[in-house]
Amino acid sequence: MSRRLTRLKTGLAHQELTRDAALALQEAARTGIEQFLGTLRKAAQMPHSPRADRVIERLIGTGETVLTLLGWARESVEQLFADTDHTRHCPTR
């Protein structure tokens, strides 16, 4: 996931990505976090020590926060490209 987010950040900063490529990177990162959360939620259903339960709860909360931030990132990418053709690279602003 971090590789995709780094590519998204770098690609936008250097105006190397099209809208579709930027959104694909964001979506891939979101999918990775959702899969991670699914695994954590399954793990939370198994018996653990109280400490492990707290760690899992915190990780789930953090993952949910990351999903919110990724949603905001998607909105930002869409706004950045709002006035451009989807096939063009990131506009200068």
C-alpha atoms as a PDB file:
ATOM      1  CA  MET A   1       0.000   0.000   0.000  1.00  0.00           C
ATOM      2  CA  SER A   2       2.701   2.520   0.921  1.00  0.00           C
ATOM      3  CA  ARG A   3       4.366   1.934  -2.452  1.00  0.00           C
ATOM      4  CA  ARG A   4       1.143   2.941  -4.217  1.00  0.00           C
ATOM      5  CA  LEU A   5       0.648   6.000  -2.053  1.00  0.00           C
ATOM      6  CA  THR A   6       4.247   7.062  -2.609  1.00  0.00           C
ATOM      7  CA  ARG A   7       3.762   6.654  -6.370  1.00  0.00           C
ATOM      8  CA  LEU A   8       0.526   8.684  -6.158  1.00  0.00           C
ATOM      9  CA  LYS A   9       2.219  11.505  -4.249  1.00  0.00           C
ATOM     10  CA  THR A  10       5.294  11.548  -6.476  1.00  0.00           C
ATOM     11  CA  GLY A  11       3.306  11.226  -9.688  1.00  0.00           C
ATOM     12  CA  LEU A  12       1.031  14.121  -8.784  1.00  0.00           C
ATOM     13  CA  ALA A  13       3.906  16.284  -7.566  1.00  0.00           C
ATOM     14  CA  HIS A  14       5.821  15.744 -10.822  1.00  0.00           C
ATOM     15  CA  GLN A  15       2.682  15.919 -12.981  1.00  0.00           C
ATOM     16  CA  GLU A  16       3.318  12.411 -14.309  1.00  0.00           C
ATOM     17  CA  LEU A  17      -0.092  10.822 -13.711  1.00  0.00           C
ATOM     18  CA  THR A  18      -3.354  10.974 -15.549  1.00  0.00           C
ATOM     19  CA  ARG A  19      -6.555  11.234 -13.528  1.00  0.00           C
ATOM     20  CA  ASP A  20      -7.343   7.573 -14.178  1.00  0.00           C
ATOM     21  CA  ALA A  21      -3.858   6.443 -13.118  1.00  0.00           C
ATOM     22  CA  ALA A  22      -4.038   8.523  -9.930  1.00  0.00           C
ATOM     23  CA  LEU A  23      -7.466   7.143  -9.053  1.00  0.00           C
ATOM     24  CA  ALA A  24      -6.299   3.584  -9.771  1.00  0.00           C
ATOM     25  CA  LEU A  25      -3.416   4.001  -7.305  1.00  0.00           C
ATOM     26  CA  GLN A  26      -5.771   5.415  -4.675  1.00  0.00           C
ATOM     27  CA  GLU A  27      -8.227   2.562  -5.231  1.00  0.00           C
ATOM     28  CA  ALA A  28      -5.497  -0.073  -4.961  1.00  0.00           C
ATOM     29  CA  ALA A  29      -4.370   1.419  -1.644  1.00  0.00           C
ATOM     30  CA  ARG A  30      -7.980   1.477  -0.382  1.00  0.00           C
ATOM     31  CA  THR A  31      -8.476  -2.152  -1.394  1.00  0.00           C
ATOM     32  CA  GLY A  32      -5.305  -3.154   0.463  1.00  0.00           C
ATOM     33  CA  ILE A  33      -6.487  -1.444   3.654  1.00  0.00           C
ATOM     34  CA  GLU A  34      -9.925  -3.050   3.365  1.00  0.00           C
ATOM     35  CA  GLN A  35      -8.325  -6.482   3.028  1.00  0.00           C
ATOM     36  CA  PHE A  36      -6.118  -5.770   6.045  1.00  0.00           C
ATOM     37  CA  LEU A  37      -9.174  -4.710   8.055  1.00  0.00           C
ATOM     38  CA  GLY A  38     -11.005  -7.865   7.028  1.00  0.00           C
ATOM     39  CA  THR A  39      -8.144  -9.963   8.335  1.00  0.00           C
ATOM     40  CA  LEU A  40      -8.052  -7.997  11.586  1.00  0.00           C
ATOM     41  CA  ARG A  41     -11.810  -8.351  12.066  1.00  0.00           C
ATOM     42  CA  LYS A  42     -11.537 -12.115  11.614  1.00  0.00           C
ATOM     43  CA  ALA A  43      -8.659 -12.200  14.087  1.00  0.00           C
ATOM     44  CA  ALA A  44     -10.717 -10.173  16.571  1.00  0.00           C
ATOM     45  CA  GLN A  45     -13.299 -12.979  16.661  1.00  0.00           C
ATOM     46  CA  MET A  46     -10.733 -15.481  17.924  1.00  0.00           C
ATOM     47  CA  PRO A  47      -9.795 -15.784  21.598  1.00  0.00           C
ATOM     48  CA  HIS A  48      -6.838 -13.590  22.593  1.00  0.00           C
ATOM     49  CA  SER A  49      -5.365 -12.050  25.644  1.00  0.00           C
ATOM     50  CA  PRO A  50      -6.881  -8.710  26.710  1.00  0.00           C
ATOM     51  CA  ARG A  51      -3.709  -6.981  25.523  1.00  0.00           C
ATOM     52  CA  ALA A  52      -3.935  -8.549  22.056  1.00  0.00           C
ATOM     53  CA  ASP A  53      -7.608  -7.562  21.879  1.00  0.00           C
ATOM     54  CA  ARG A  54      -6.694  -3.917  22.595  1.00  0.00           C
ATOM     55  CA  VAL A  55      -3.967  -3.962  19.951  1.00  0.00           C
ATOM     56  CA  ILE A  56      -6.378  -5.394  17.363  1.00  0.00           C
ATOM     57  CA  GLU A  57      -8.992  -2.776  18.286  1.00  0.00           C
ATOM     58  CA  ARG A  58      -6.444   0.010  17.842  1.00  0.00           C
ATOM     59  CA  LEU A  59      -5.295  -1.373  14.512  1.00  0.00           C
ATOM     60  CA  ILE A  60      -8.885  -1.580  13.289  1.00  0.00           C
ATOM     61  CA  GLY A  61      -9.502   2.012  14.398  1.00  0.00           C
ATOM     62  CA  THR A  62      -6.339   3.176  12.671  1.00  0.00           C
ATOM     63  CA  GLY A  63      -7.276   1.320   9.490  1.00  0.00           C
ATOM     64  CA  GLU A  64     -10.705   2.923   9.485  1.00  0.00           C
ATOM     65  CA  THR A  65      -9.079   6.340   9.847  1.00  0.00           C
ATOM     66  CA  VAL A  66      -6.788   5.563   6.917  1.00  0.00           C
ATOM     67  CA  LEU A  67      -9.858   4.656   4.823  1.00  0.00           C
ATOM     68  CA  THR A  68     -11.362   8.045   5.643  1.00  0.00           C
ATOM     69  CA  LEU A  69      -8.131   9.780   4.632  1.00  0.00           C
ATOM     70  CA  LEU A  70      -8.001   7.792   1.395  1.00  0.00           C
ATOM     71  CA  GLY A  71     -11.552   8.931   0.661  1.00  0.00           C
ATOM     72  CA  TRP A  72     -10.442  12.520   1.089  1.00  0.00           C
ATOM     73  CA  ALA A  73      -7.446  11.828  -1.159  1.00  0.00           C
ATOM     74  CA  ARG A  74      -9.799  10.544  -3.858  1.00  0.00           C
ATOM     75  CA  GLU A  75     -11.905  13.697  -3.599  1.00  0.00           C
ATOM     76  CA  SER A  76      -8.742  15.802  -3.875  1.00  0.00           C
ATOM     77  CA  VAL A  77      -7.595  13.958  -7.001  1.00  0.00           C
ATOM     78  CA  GLU A  78     -11.033  14.385  -8.569  1.00  0.00           C
ATOM     79  CA  GLN A  79     -10.994  18.121  -7.768  1.00  0.00           C
ATOM     80  CA  LEU A  80      -7.465  18.504  -9.101  1.00  0.00           C
ATOM     81  CA  PHE A  81      -8.511  17.068 -12.455  1.00  0.00           C
ATOM     82  CA  ALA A  82     -12.024  18.573 -12.484  1.00  0.00           C
ATOM     83  CA  ASP A  83     -11.287  21.007 -15.310  1.00  0.00           C
ATOM     84  CA  THR A  84      -9.118  18.710 -17.429  1.00  0.00           C
ATOM     85  CA  ASP A  85      -9.484  15.900 -19.896  1.00  0.00           C
ATOM     86  CA  HIS A  86      -9.064  12.567 -18.049  1.00  0.00           C
ATOM     87  CA  THR A  87      -6.259  11.495 -20.357  1.00  0.00           C
ATOM     88  CA  ARG A  88      -4.096  14.510 -19.613  1.00  0.00           C
ATOM     89  CA  HIS A  89      -1.427  14.505 -16.964  1.00  0.00           C
ATOM     90  CA  CYS A  90      -1.826  16.359 -13.699  1.00  0.00           C
ATOM     91  CA  PRO A  91      -2.412  20.066 -14.332  1.00  0.00           C
ATOM     92  CA  THR A  92      -0.184  22.773 -12.916  1.00  0.00           C
ATOM     93  CA  ARG A  93      -1.880  24.704 -10.128  1.00  0.00           C
END
